[in-house]
PDB file of N, CA and C in Angstrom:
ATOM      1  N   UNK A   1     -11.543-259.146 183.316  1.00  0.00           N
ATOM      2  CA  UNK A   1     -11.312-257.612 182.460  1.00  0.00           C
ATOM      3  C   UNK A   1     -12.462-256.592 182.098  1.00  0.00           C
ATOM      4  N   UNK A   2     -11.943-255.199 182.673  1.00  0.00           N
ATOM      5  CA  UNK A   2     -12.730-254.642 182.246  1.00  0.00           C
ATOM      6  C   UNK A   2     -14.066-254.247 181.602  1.00  0.00           C
ATOM      7  N   UNK A   3     -14.872-253.557 181.945  1.00  0.00           N
ATOM      8  CA  UNK A   3     -15.825-253.005 180.408  1.00  0.00           C
ATOM      9  C   UNK A   3     -15.806-251.384 181.017  1.00  0.00           C
ATOM     10  N   UNK A   4     -16.537-250.871 180.105  1.00  0.00           N
ATOM     11  CA  UNK A   4     -16.600-249.429 180.329  1.00  0.00           C
ATOM     12  C   UNK A   4     -17.719-248.991 179.306  1.00  0.00           C
ATOM     13  N   UNK A   5     -18.349-247.794 179.342  1.00  0.00           N
ATOM     14  CA  UNK A   5     -19.385-247.317 179.051  1.00  0.00           C
ATOM     15  C   UNK A   5     -19.336-246.129 177.904  1.00  0.00           C
ATOM     16  N   UNK A   6     -20.081-245.934 176.310  1.00  0.00           N
ATOM     17  CA  UNK A   6     -19.389-245.666 175.607  1.00  0.00           C
ATOM     18  C   UNK A   6     -20.766-245.311 175.134  1.00  0.00           C
ATOM     19  N   UNK A   7     -20.900-243.576 174.797  1.00  0.00           N
ATOM     20  CA  UNK A   7     -22.206-242.644 174.313  1.00  0.00           C
ATOM     21  C   UNK A   7     -22.198-243.340 173.077  1.00  0.00           C
ATOM     22  N   UNK A   8     -23.228-242.950 172.373  1.00  0.00           N
ATOM     23  CA  UNK A   8     -23.590-244.446 171.058  1.00  0.00           C
ATOM     24  C   UNK A   8     -24.453-243.081 170.455  1.00  0.00           C
ATOM     25  N   UNK A   9     -25.738-242.594 171.651  1.00  0.00           N
ATOM     26  CA  UNK A   9     -26.463-241.251 170.382  1.00  0.00           C
ATOM     27  C   UNK A   9     -26.671-240.656 171.928  1.00  0.00           C
ATOM     28  N   UNK A  10     -28.150-239.052 171.527  1.00  0.00           N
ATOM     29  CA  UNK A  10     -28.420-239.361 172.610  1.00  0.00           C
ATOM     30  C   UNK A  10     -30.064-239.465 172.516  1.00  0.00           C
ATOM     31  N   UNK A  11     -30.384-239.785 173.926  1.00  0.00           N
ATOM     32  CA  UNK A  11     -32.460-239.773 174.432  1.00  0.00           C
ATOM     33  C   UNK A  11     -33.362-239.594 173.246  1.00  0.00           C
ATOM     34  N   UNK A  12     -32.769-237.594 172.636  1.00  0.00           N
ATOM     35  CA  UNK A  12     -33.524-236.921 171.551  1.00  0.00           C
ATOM     36  C   UNK A  12     -33.846-238.321 170.464  1.00  0.00           C
ATOM     37  N   UNK A  13     -32.971-238.897 170.335  1.00  0.00           N
ATOM     38  CA  UNK A  13     -32.516-239.662 169.329  1.00  0.00           C
ATOM     39  C   UNK A  13     -33.828-241.267 169.056  1.00  0.00           C
ATOM     40  N   UNK A  14     -33.446-241.338 170.419  1.00  0.00           N
ATOM     41  CA  UNK A  14     -34.795-243.076 170.092  1.00  0.00           C
ATOM     42  C   UNK A  14     -36.441-241.947 169.863  1.00  0.00           C
ATOM     43  N   UNK A  15     -36.642-243.595 169.010  1.00  0.00           N
ATOM     44  CA  UNK A  15     -38.609-242.706 168.704  1.00  0.00           C
ATOM     45  C   UNK A  15     -38.834-244.217 168.934  1.00  0.00           C
ATOM     46  N   UNK A  16     -39.934-244.255 170.830  1.00  0.00           N
ATOM     47  CA  UNK A  16     -41.070-244.767 170.838  1.00  0.00           C
ATOM     48  C   UNK A  16     -41.326-245.490 170.099  1.00  0.00           C
ATOM     49  N   UNK A  17     -41.612-246.811 170.579  1.00  0.00           N
ATOM     50  CA  UNK A  17     -42.372-247.768 169.784  1.00  0.00           C
ATOM     51  C   UNK A  17     -41.629-248.199 168.563  1.00  0.00           C
ATOM     52  N   UNK A  18     -40.053-247.981 168.430  1.00  0.00           N
ATOM     53  CA  UNK A  18     -39.805-248.144 167.348  1.00  0.00           C
ATOM     54  C   UNK A  18     -38.248-248.565 167.803  1.00  0.00           C
ATOM     55  N   UNK A  19     -36.973-248.707 166.285  1.00  0.00           N
ATOM     56  CA  UNK A  19     -36.159-248.542 166.545  1.00  0.00           C
ATOM     57  C   UNK A  19     -35.082-247.873 165.824  1.00  0.00           C
ATOM     58  N   UNK A  20     -33.751-247.584 166.608  1.00  0.00           N
ATOM     59  CA  UNK A  20     -32.756-246.850 165.584  1.00  0.00           C
ATOM     60  C   UNK A  20     -31.600-247.663 165.641  1.00  0.00           C
ATOM     61  N   UNK A  21     -31.366-246.804 164.547  1.00  0.00           N
ATOM     62  CA  UNK A  21     -29.713-247.464 164.560  1.00  0.00           C
ATOM     63  C   UNK A  21     -28.519-246.781 164.139  1.00  0.00           C
ATOM     64  N   UNK A  22     -27.685-246.899 165.791  1.00  0.00           N
ATOM     65  CA  UNK A  22     -26.341-246.473 165.563  1.00  0.00           C
ATOM     66  C   UNK A  22     -24.990-247.128 165.598  1.00  0.00           C
ATOM     67  N   UNK A  23     -24.095-246.133 165.384  1.00  0.00           N
ATOM     68  CA  UNK A  23     -22.347-246.936 165.153  1.00  0.00           C
ATOM     69  C   UNK A  23     -22.284-247.077 166.153  1.00  0.00           C
ATOM     70  N   UNK A  24     -21.705-248.149 166.660  1.00  0.00           N
ATOM     71  CA  UNK A  24     -20.765-248.471 168.100  1.00  0.00           C
ATOM     72  C   UNK A  24     -19.548-248.692 167.380  1.00  0.00           C
ATOM     73  N   UNK A  25     -18.334-247.853 168.513  1.00  0.00           N
ATOM     74  CA  UNK A  25     -17.110-247.721 167.941  1.00  0.00           C
ATOM     75  C   UNK A  25     -16.215-247.929 169.553  1.00  0.00           C
ATOM     76  N   UNK A  26     -15.714-249.190 169.332  1.00  0.00           N
ATOM     77  CA  UNK A  26     -14.726-249.984 170.677  1.00  0.00           C
ATOM     78  C   UNK A  26     -13.860-250.769 170.158  1.00  0.00           C
ATOM     79  N   UNK A  27     -12.957-250.625 171.129  1.00  0.00           N
ATOM     80  CA  UNK A  27     -11.530-251.324 170.845  1.00  0.00           C
ATOM     81  C   UNK A  27     -11.262-251.754 169.269  1.00  0.00           C
ATOM     82  N   UNK A  28     -11.721-250.534 168.374  1.00  0.00           N
ATOM     83  CA  UNK A  28     -11.173-250.141 167.255  1.00  0.00           C
ATOM     84  C   UNK A  28     -11.829-250.698 165.651  1.00  0.00           C
ATOM     85  N   UNK A  29     -13.269-251.640 166.067  1.00  0.00           N
ATOM     86  CA  UNK A  29     -13.843-251.877 164.842  1.00  0.00           C
ATOM     87  C   UNK A  29     -15.160-251.508 165.782  1.00  0.00           C
ATOM     88  N   UNK A  30     -16.048-251.443 163.966  1.00  0.00           N
ATOM     89  CA  UNK A  30     -17.203-250.337 164.074  1.00  0.00           C
ATOM     90  C   UNK A  30     -18.223-251.428 163.998  1.00  0.00           C
ATOM     91  N   UNK A  31     -19.779-251.397 164.606  1.00  0.00           N
ATOM     92  CA  UNK A  31     -20.301-252.911 164.522  1.00  0.00           C
ATOM     93  C   UNK A  31     -21.734-251.467 164.924  1.00  0.00           C
ATOM     94  N   UNK A  32     -22.727-251.929 163.793  1.00  0.00           N
ATOM     95  CA  UNK A  32     -23.995-251.538 164.028  1.00  0.00           C
ATOM     96  C   UNK A  32     -24.898-251.868 164.893  1.00  0.00           C
ATOM     97  N   UNK A  33     -25.249-251.337 165.845  1.00  0.00           N
ATOM     98  CA  UNK A  33     -26.296-251.922 167.020  1.00  0.00           C
ATOM     99  C   UNK A  33     -27.895-251.114 166.718  1.00  0.00           C
ATOM    100  N   UNK A  34     -28.616-251.945 166.911  1.00  0.00           N
ATOM    101  CA  UNK A  34     -29.941-251.730 166.865  1.00  0.00           C
ATOM    102  C   UNK A  34     -30.432-250.625 168.637  1.00  0.00           C
ATOM    103  N   UNK A  35     -30.971-249.812 168.086  1.00  0.00           N
ATOM    104  CA  UNK A  35     -31.850-249.292 170.008  1.00  0.00           C
ATOM    105  C   UNK A  35     -33.351-249.316 169.687  1.00  0.00           C
ATOM    106  N   UNK A  36     -33.726-250.221 171.052  1.00  0.00           N
ATOM    107  CA  UNK A  36     -35.028-249.993 170.859  1.00  0.00           C
ATOM    108  C   UNK A  36     -35.479-249.416 172.198  1.00  0.00           C
ATOM    109  N   UNK A  37     -37.121-248.864 172.147  1.00  0.00           N
ATOM    110  CA  UNK A  37     -37.550-248.370 173.277  1.00  0.00           C
ATOM    111  C   UNK A  37     -39.123-248.262 173.135  1.00  0.00           C
ATOM    112  N   UNK A  38     -39.624-248.908 173.813  1.00  0.00           N
ATOM    113  CA  UNK A  38     -41.026-249.338 173.302  1.00  0.00           C
ATOM    114  C   UNK A  38     -42.015-248.005 174.267  1.00  0.00           C
ATOM    115  N   UNK A  39     -41.837-247.523 175.275  1.00  0.00           N
ATOM    116  CA  UNK A  39     -42.159-246.096 175.515  1.00  0.00           C
ATOM    117  C   UNK A  39     -41.306-245.014 176.354  1.00  0.00           C
ATOM    118  N   UNK A  40     -41.560-244.216 176.344  1.00  0.00           N
ATOM    119  CA  UNK A  40     -41.170-242.652 176.557  1.00  0.00           C
ATOM    120  C   UNK A  40     -40.289-243.179 178.342  1.00  0.00           C
ATOM    121  N   UNK A  41     -40.518-243.668 179.641  1.00  0.00           N
ATOM    122  CA  UNK A  41     -40.261-244.175 180.220  1.00  0.00           C
ATOM    123  C   UNK A  41     -39.487-245.385 180.480  1.00  0.00           C
ATOM    124  N   UNK A  42     -39.458-246.284 179.658  1.00  0.00           N
ATOM    125  CA  UNK A  42     -39.335-247.215 179.362  1.00  0.00           C
ATOM    126  C   UNK A  42     -37.811-248.000 179.338  1.00  0.00           C
ATOM    127  N   UNK A  43     -37.510-248.666 179.747  1.00  0.00           N
ATOM    128  CA  UNK A  43     -35.537-248.774 178.811  1.00  0.00           C
ATOM    129  C   UNK A  43     -35.647-249.405 177.928  1.00  0.00           C
ATOM    130  N   UNK A  44     -34.022-248.802 177.635  1.00  0.00           N
ATOM    131  CA  UNK A  44     -33.691-248.647 176.221  1.00  0.00           C
ATOM    132  C   UNK A  44     -32.969-249.737 175.833  1.00  0.00           C
ATOM    133  N   UNK A  45     -33.254-250.214 174.829  1.00  0.00           N
ATOM    134  CA  UNK A  45     -32.313-251.274 174.893  1.00  0.00           C
ATOM    135  C   UNK A  45     -32.064-251.816 173.636  1.00  0.00           C
ATOM    136  N   UNK A  46     -30.478-252.592 173.134  1.00  0.00           N
ATOM    137  CA  UNK A  46     -29.627-252.622 172.441  1.00  0.00           C
ATOM    138  C   UNK A  46     -28.767-253.750 171.706  1.00  0.00           C
ATOM    139  N   UNK A  47     -29.452-254.081 170.908  1.00  0.00           N
ATOM    140  CA  UNK A  47     -28.389-255.514 169.973  1.00  0.00           C
ATOM    141  C   UNK A  47     -27.945-255.635 168.599  1.00  0.00           C
ATOM    142  N   UNK A  48     -27.658-255.941 168.098  1.00  0.00           N
ATOM    143  CA  UNK A  48     -26.811-256.564 167.260  1.00  0.00           C
ATOM    144  C   UNK A  48     -27.922-255.972 166.231  1.00  0.00           C
ATOM    145  N   UNK A  49     -27.492-254.485 164.839  1.00  0.00           N
ATOM    146  CA  UNK A  49     -28.450-254.279 163.985  1.00  0.00           C
ATOM    147  C   UNK A  49     -28.034-255.818 163.304  1.00  0.00           C
ATOM    148  N   UNK A  50     -27.531-256.486 163.460  1.00  0.00           N
ATOM    149  CA  UNK A  50     -27.024-257.929 161.468  1.00  0.00           C
ATOM    150  C   UNK A  50     -28.294-258.601 162.349  1.00  0.00           C
ATOM    151  N   UNK A  51     -29.519-259.142 161.166  1.00  0.00           N
ATOM    152  CA  UNK A  51     -29.991-259.980 161.406  1.00  0.00           C
ATOM    153  C   UNK A  51     -29.487-261.854 160.664  1.00  0.00           C
ATOM    154  N   UNK A  52     -29.120-262.282 161.120  1.00  0.00           N
ATOM    155  CA  UNK A  52     -27.891-263.606 161.057  1.00  0.00           C
ATOM    156  C   UNK A  52     -28.647-264.585 159.871  1.00  0.00           C
ATOM    157  N   UNK A  53     -30.198-264.327 159.870  1.00  0.00           N
ATOM    158  CA  UNK A  53     -31.358-265.522 159.197  1.00  0.00           C
ATOM    159  C   UNK A  53     -30.847-264.582 157.661  1.00  0.00           C
ATOM    160  N   UNK A  54     -31.433-263.539 158.110  1.00  0.00           N
ATOM    161  CA  UNK A  54     -31.406-262.990 156.762  1.00  0.00           C
ATOM    162  C   UNK A  54     -29.787-262.443 156.203  1.00  0.00           C
ATOM    163  N   UNK A  55     -28.961-262.271 156.633  1.00  0.00           N
ATOM    164  CA  UNK A  55     -27.746-261.580 156.757  1.00  0.00           C
ATOM    165  C   UNK A  55     -27.758-260.508 155.498  1.00  0.00           C
ATOM    166  N   UNK A  56     -28.077-259.573 156.669  1.00  0.00           N
ATOM    167  CA  UNK A  56     -28.375-258.099 156.444  1.00  0.00           C
ATOM    168  C   UNK A  56     -29.041-257.029 157.401  1.00  0.00           C
ATOM    169  N   UNK A  57     -27.627-256.001 158.251  1.00  0.00           N
ATOM    170  CA  UNK A  57     -28.531-254.845 159.076  1.00  0.00           C
ATOM    171  C   UNK A  57     -29.638-254.544 158.699  1.00  0.00           C
ATOM    172  N   UNK A  58     -30.708-255.040 158.865  1.00  0.00           N
ATOM    173  CA  UNK A  58     -32.310-254.410 159.384  1.00  0.00           C
ATOM    174  C   UNK A  58     -33.272-254.328 160.731  1.00  0.00           C
ATOM    175  N   UNK A  59     -32.239-254.859 161.736  1.00  0.00           N
ATOM    176  CA  UNK A  59     -33.146-255.201 162.923  1.00  0.00           C
ATOM    177  C   UNK A  59     -33.957-253.656 163.298  1.00  0.00           C
ATOM    178  N   UNK A  60     -32.553-253.102 163.062  1.00  0.00           N
ATOM    179  CA  UNK A  60     -33.750-250.892 163.492  1.00  0.00           C
ATOM    180  C   UNK A  60     -34.724-251.650 162.535  1.00  0.00           C
ATOM    181  N   UNK A  61     -35.047-251.906 161.826  1.00  0.00           N
ATOM    182  CA  UNK A  61     -35.772-251.231 160.940  1.00  0.00           C
ATOM    183  C   UNK A  61     -37.567-252.388 161.862  1.00  0.00           C
ATOM    184  N   UNK A  62     -36.837-252.948 162.620  1.00  0.00           N
ATOM    185  CA  UNK A  62     -38.389-254.351 162.733  1.00  0.00           C
ATOM    186  C   UNK A  62     -39.294-254.140 163.529  1.00  0.00           C
ATOM    187  N   UNK A  63     -40.085-254.605 163.864  1.00  0.00           N
ATOM    188  CA  UNK A  63     -41.097-254.147 165.016  1.00  0.00           C
ATOM    189  C   UNK A  63     -41.403-254.539 166.260  1.00  0.00           C
ATOM    190  N   UNK A  64     -41.703-253.623 167.324  1.00  0.00           N
ATOM    191  CA  UNK A  64     -41.580-254.535 168.403  1.00  0.00           C
ATOM    192  C   UNK A  64     -42.432-255.008 168.723  1.00  0.00           C
ATOM    193  N   UNK A  65     -42.563-255.879 169.471  1.00  0.00           N
ATOM    194  CA  UNK A  65     -43.875-257.040 170.069  1.00  0.00           C
ATOM    195  C   UNK A  65     -43.343-257.351 171.348  1.00  0.00           C
ATOM    196  N   UNK A  66     -44.569-258.863 171.864  1.00  0.00           N
ATOM    197  CA  UNK A  66     -44.226-259.570 172.933  1.00  0.00           C
ATOM    198  C   UNK A  66     -44.411-260.778 172.491  1.00  0.00           C
ATOM    199  N   UNK A  67     -43.919-261.888 172.564  1.00  0.00           N
ATOM    200  CA  UNK A  67     -44.690-263.658 172.655  1.00  0.00           C
ATOM    201  C   UNK A  67     -44.960-263.709 174.422  1.00  0.00           C
ATOM    202  N   UNK A  68     -45.787-263.919 174.631  1.00  0.00           N
ATOM    203  CA  UNK A  68     -45.648-263.926 175.684  1.00  0.00           C
ATOM    204  C   UNK A  68     -45.729-263.225 176.990  1.00  0.00           C
ATOM    205  N   UNK A  69     -44.757-262.944 177.977  1.00  0.00           N
ATOM    206  CA  UNK A  69     -44.188-262.152 178.751  1.00  0.00           C
ATOM    207  C   UNK A  69     -42.532-261.917 177.918  1.00  0.00           C
ATOM    208  N   UNK A  70     -42.046-262.069 176.987  1.00  0.00           N
ATOM    209  CA  UNK A  70     -41.243-261.294 176.043  1.00  0.00           C
ATOM    210  C   UNK A  70     -41.492-260.351 175.337  1.00  0.00           C
ATOM    211  N   UNK A  71     -41.057-259.199 175.559  1.00  0.00           N
ATOM    212  CA  UNK A  71     -40.004-257.736 174.592  1.00  0.00           C
ATOM    213  C   UNK A  71     -39.686-258.252 173.508  1.00  0.00           C
ATOM    214  N   UNK A  72     -40.169-258.608 172.388  1.00  0.00           N
ATOM    215  CA  UNK A  72     -38.950-259.098 170.922  1.00  0.00           C
ATOM    216  C   UNK A  72     -39.436-257.653 170.050  1.00  0.00           C
ATOM    217  N   UNK A  73     -38.314-258.437 169.145  1.00  0.00           N
ATOM    218  CA  UNK A  73     -38.597-257.478 167.615  1.00  0.00           C
ATOM    219  C   UNK A  73     -38.761-258.424 166.780  1.00  0.00           C
ATOM    220  N   UNK A  74     -39.615-258.202 166.056  1.00  0.00           N
ATOM    221  CA  UNK A  74     -39.535-259.302 164.556  1.00  0.00           C
ATOM    222  C   UNK A  74     -38.329-258.769 163.272  1.00  0.00           C
ATOM    223  N   UNK A  75     -37.633-259.392 162.713  1.00  0.00           N
ATOM    224  CA  UNK A  75     -37.142-259.066 161.896  1.00  0.00           C
ATOM    225  C   UNK A  75     -37.934-259.055 160.747  1.00  0.00           C
ATOM    226  N   UNK A  76     -38.456-257.821 160.394  1.00  0.00           N
ATOM    227  CA  UNK A  76     -38.135-256.703 158.556  1.00  0.00           C
ATOM    228  C   UNK A  76     -38.599-258.545 157.370  1.00  0.00           C
ATOM    229  N   UNK A  77     -37.238-258.648 157.841  1.00  0.00           N
ATOM    230  CA  UNK A  77     -37.440-260.325 156.178  1.00  0.00           C
ATOM    231  C   UNK A  77     -38.002-260.722 156.465  1.00  0.00           C
ATOM    232  N   UNK A  78     -37.231-262.010 157.269  1.00  0.00           N
ATOM    233  CA  UNK A  78     -37.956-263.398 157.679  1.00  0.00           C
ATOM    234  C   UNK A  78     -39.024-263.935 158.391  1.00  0.00           C
ATOM    235  N   UNK A  79     -39.173-262.698 159.405  1.00  0.00           N
ATOM    236  CA  UNK A  79     -40.163-262.439 160.891  1.00  0.00           C
ATOM    237  C   UNK A  79     -39.869-262.821 162.195  1.00  0.00           C
ATOM    238  N   UNK A  80     -38.438-263.514 161.935  1.00  0.00           N
ATOM    239  CA  UNK A  80     -38.529-264.545 163.710  1.00  0.00           C
ATOM    240  C   UNK A  80     -37.326-263.658 164.428  1.00  0.00           C
ATOM    241  N   UNK A  81     -38.205-263.777 165.465  1.00  0.00           N
ATOM    242  CA  UNK A  81     -38.217-262.620 167.117  1.00  0.00           C
ATOM    243  C   UNK A  81     -37.711-262.775 167.597  1.00  0.00           C
ATOM    244  N   UNK A  82     -36.349-261.367 167.605  1.00  0.00           N
ATOM    245  CA  UNK A  82     -34.845-261.703 168.457  1.00  0.00           C
ATOM    246  C   UNK A  82     -35.941-261.416 170.177  1.00  0.00           C
ATOM    247  N   UNK A  83     -35.810-261.564 171.073  1.00  0.00           N
ATOM    248  CA  UNK A  83     -35.795-260.682 172.564  1.00  0.00           C
ATOM    249  C   UNK A  83     -34.686-260.099 172.709  1.00  0.00           C
ATOM    250  N   UNK A  84     -35.267-258.891 173.486  1.00  0.00           N
ATOM    251  CA  UNK A  84     -34.520-257.569 173.316  1.00  0.00           C
ATOM    252  C   UNK A  84     -34.316-257.516 174.215  1.00  0.00           C
ATOM    253  N   UNK A  85     -33.974-258.361 175.591  1.00  0.00           N
ATOM    254  CA  UNK A  85     -33.451-258.695 176.551  1.00  0.00           C
ATOM    255  C   UNK A  85     -32.278-259.202 176.221  1.00  0.00           C
ATOM    256  N   UNK A  86     -32.041-260.572 175.154  1.00  0.00           N
ATOM    257  CA  UNK A  86     -30.549-261.296 174.942  1.00  0.00           C
ATOM    258  C   UNK A  86     -30.463-261.543 174.223  1.00  0.00           C
ATOM    259  N   UNK A  87     -31.765-261.262 172.450  1.00  0.00           N
ATOM    260  CA  UNK A  87     -30.477-261.706 171.657  1.00  0.00           C
ATOM    261  C   UNK A  87     -31.094-263.004 170.896  1.00  0.00           C
ATOM    262  N   UNK A  88     -31.720-263.580 171.965  1.00  0.00           N
ATOM    263  CA  UNK A  88     -32.053-264.736 171.681  1.00  0.00           C
ATOM    264  C   UNK A  88     -33.125-265.294 170.361  1.00  0.00           C
ATOM    265  N   UNK A  89     -33.428-266.274 169.483  1.00  0.00           N
ATOM    266  CA  UNK A  89     -34.010-265.961 168.619  1.00  0.00           C
ATOM    267  C   UNK A  89     -35.093-267.174 168.852  1.00  0.00           C
ATOM    268  N   UNK A  90     -36.636-266.238 169.185  1.00  0.00           N
ATOM    269  CA  UNK A  90     -37.613-268.053 169.589  1.00  0.00           C
ATOM    270  C   UNK A  90     -37.757-268.656 168.674  1.00  0.00           C
ATOM    271  N   UNK A  91     -37.886-268.386 167.325  1.00  0.00           N
ATOM    272  CA  UNK A  91     -38.178-269.740 166.605  1.00  0.00           C
ATOM    273  C   UNK A  91     -36.300-270.268 166.443  1.00  0.00           C
ATOM    274  N   UNK A  92     -35.440-269.840 166.444  1.00  0.00           N
ATOM    275  CA  UNK A  92     -34.445-270.925 166.331  1.00  0.00           C
ATOM    276  C   UNK A  92     -33.292-271.330 167.631  1.00  0.00           C
ATOM    277  N   UNK A  93     -33.525-271.954 169.335  1.00  0.00           N
ATOM    278  CA  UNK A  93     -33.123-271.524 169.803  1.00  0.00           C
ATOM    279  C   UNK A  93     -30.878-271.731 169.880  1.00  0.00           C
ATOM    280  N   UNK A  94     -30.550-272.443 168.159  1.00  0.00           N
ATOM    281  CA  UNK A  94     -29.562-271.933 167.910  1.00  0.00           C
ATOM    282  C   UNK A  94     -29.007-270.897 167.339  1.00  0.00           C
ATOM    283  N   UNK A  95     -30.118-269.840 167.322  1.00  0.00           N
ATOM    284  CA  UNK A  95     -29.394-268.717 167.075  1.00  0.00           C
ATOM    285  C   UNK A  95     -29.317-267.425 168.217  1.00  0.00           C
ATOM    286  N   UNK A  96     -28.619-266.218 168.581  1.00  0.00           N
ATOM    287  CA  UNK A  96     -28.638-265.682 169.236  1.00  0.00           C
ATOM    288  C   UNK A  96     -27.805-264.270 168.563  1.00  0.00           C
ATOM    289  N   UNK A  97     -28.276-263.046 168.457  1.00  0.00           N
ATOM    290  CA  UNK A  97     -27.227-262.186 168.319  1.00  0.00           C
ATOM    291  C   UNK A  97     -26.649-261.547 169.104  1.00  0.00           C
ATOM    292  N   UNK A  98     -26.189-260.962 169.346  1.00  0.00           N
ATOM    293  CA  UNK A  98     -25.455-260.144 170.371  1.00  0.00           C
ATOM    294  C   UNK A  98     -26.454-259.427 171.301  1.00  0.00           C
ATOM    295  N   UNK A  99     -25.903-258.265 172.958  1.00  0.00           N
ATOM    296  CA  UNK A  99     -26.950-257.332 173.368  1.00  0.00           C
ATOM    297  C   UNK A  99     -25.931-256.918 173.817  1.00  0.00           C
ATOM    298  N   UNK A 100     -26.791-255.335 174.557  1.00  0.00           N
ATOM    299  CA  UNK A 100     -25.487-255.181 175.376  1.00  0.00           C
ATOM    300  C   UNK A 100     -26.212-254.605 176.330  1.00  0.00           C
ATOM    301  N   UNK A 101     -25.672-254.025 177.579  1.00  0.00           N
ATOM    302  CA  UNK A 101     -26.221-253.726 178.905  1.00  0.00           C
ATOM    303  C   UNK A 101     -26.586-251.530 178.179  1.00  0.00           C
ATOM    304  N   UNK A 102     -27.891-251.439 178.586  1.00  0.00           N
ATOM    305  CA  UNK A 102     -27.846-249.684 178.237  1.00  0.00           C
ATOM    306  C   UNK A 102     -27.972-248.930 179.520  1.00  0.00           C
ATOM    307  N   UNK A 103     -27.927-248.214 179.375  1.00  0.00           N
ATOM    308  CA  UNK A 103     -28.030-246.995 180.284  1.00  0.00           C
ATOM    309  C   UNK A 103     -27.971-245.734 179.610  1.00  0.00           C
ATOM    310  N   UNK A 104     -29.066-244.390 180.063  1.00  0.00           N
ATOM    311  CA  UNK A 104     -28.957-243.689 180.161  1.00  0.00           C
ATOM    312  C   UNK A 104     -28.712-242.374 181.153  1.00  0.00           C
ATOM    313  N   UNK A 105     -27.506-241.320 181.091  1.00  0.00           N
ATOM    314  CA  UNK A 105     -27.323-240.677 181.553  1.00  0.00           C
ATOM    315  C   UNK A 105     -27.389-239.004 181.529  1.00  0.00           C
ATOM    316  N   UNK A 106     -28.223-238.833 181.967  1.00  0.00           N
ATOM    317  CA  UNK A 106     -28.389-236.991 181.666  1.00  0.00           C
ATOM    318  C   UNK A 106     -28.720-236.913 180.353  1.00  0.00           C
ATOM    319  N   UNK A 107     -29.259-237.289 179.453  1.00  0.00           N
ATOM    320  CA  UNK A 107     -30.152-237.309 178.118  1.00  0.00           C
ATOM    321  C   UNK A 107     -29.456-237.626 176.987  1.00  0.00           C
ATOM    322  N   UNK A 108     -28.046-239.211 177.547  1.00  0.00           N
ATOM    323  CA  UNK A 108     -26.956-239.425 176.609  1.00  0.00           C
ATOM    324  C   UNK A 108     -27.049-241.571 176.605  1.00  0.00           C
ATOM    325  N   UNK A 109     -27.249-242.067 175.544  1.00  0.00           N
ATOM    326  CA  UNK A 109     -27.800-243.063 175.983  1.00  0.00           C
ATOM    327  C   UNK A 109     -26.290-243.785 175.656  1.00  0.00           C
ATOM    328  N   UNK A 110     -25.952-244.274 176.693  1.00  0.00           N
ATOM    329  CA  UNK A 110     -24.180-245.223 176.099  1.00  0.00           C
ATOM    330  C   UNK A 110     -24.899-246.948 176.711  1.00  0.00           C
ATOM    331  N   UNK A 111     -23.848-247.118 176.015  1.00  0.00           N
ATOM    332  CA  UNK A 111     -23.542-249.033 176.174  1.00  0.00           C
ATOM    333  C   UNK A 111     -21.930-249.572 176.783  1.00  0.00           C
ATOM    334  N   UNK A 112     -22.591-250.313 177.431  1.00  0.00           N
ATOM    335  CA  UNK A 112     -22.030-251.375 177.628  1.00  0.00           C
ATOM    336  C   UNK A 112     -20.547-252.292 177.402  1.00  0.00           C
ATOM    337  N   UNK A 113     -19.786-251.593 177.146  1.00  0.00           N
ATOM    338  CA  UNK A 113     -18.492-253.097 176.327  1.00  0.00           C
ATOM    339  C   UNK A 113     -17.616-252.906 177.094  1.00  0.00           C
ATOM    340  N   UNK A 114     -17.226-254.821 176.986  1.00  0.00           N
ATOM    341  CA  UNK A 114     -15.761-255.350 177.626  1.00  0.00           C
ATOM    342  C   UNK A 114     -14.597-253.941 177.232  1.00  0.00           C
TER     343      UNK A 114
END
């Protein structure tokens, strides 16, 4: 199965140290994603905006932090932490949300989808 890169927003739309929500439209469906960038020169991370424990699209409003060496976002609802790299919930190993590869090309943020 091949993958494609889809433009989701401008790099100028990102807020360092915080998250923003974007709509990923691919394969005939749309999904809210949360984009995070800790620093202006750092990587961009993309996770589902949906918090399965809080049953709401809120992760883009979460707080970025770290637990040990792992960069995470804390859900604004029940404060569970999700890894920005792979979407794994730190507190509950049975919970993992979708995460996508991200790149920035000519000022445009692109997400890789299958």
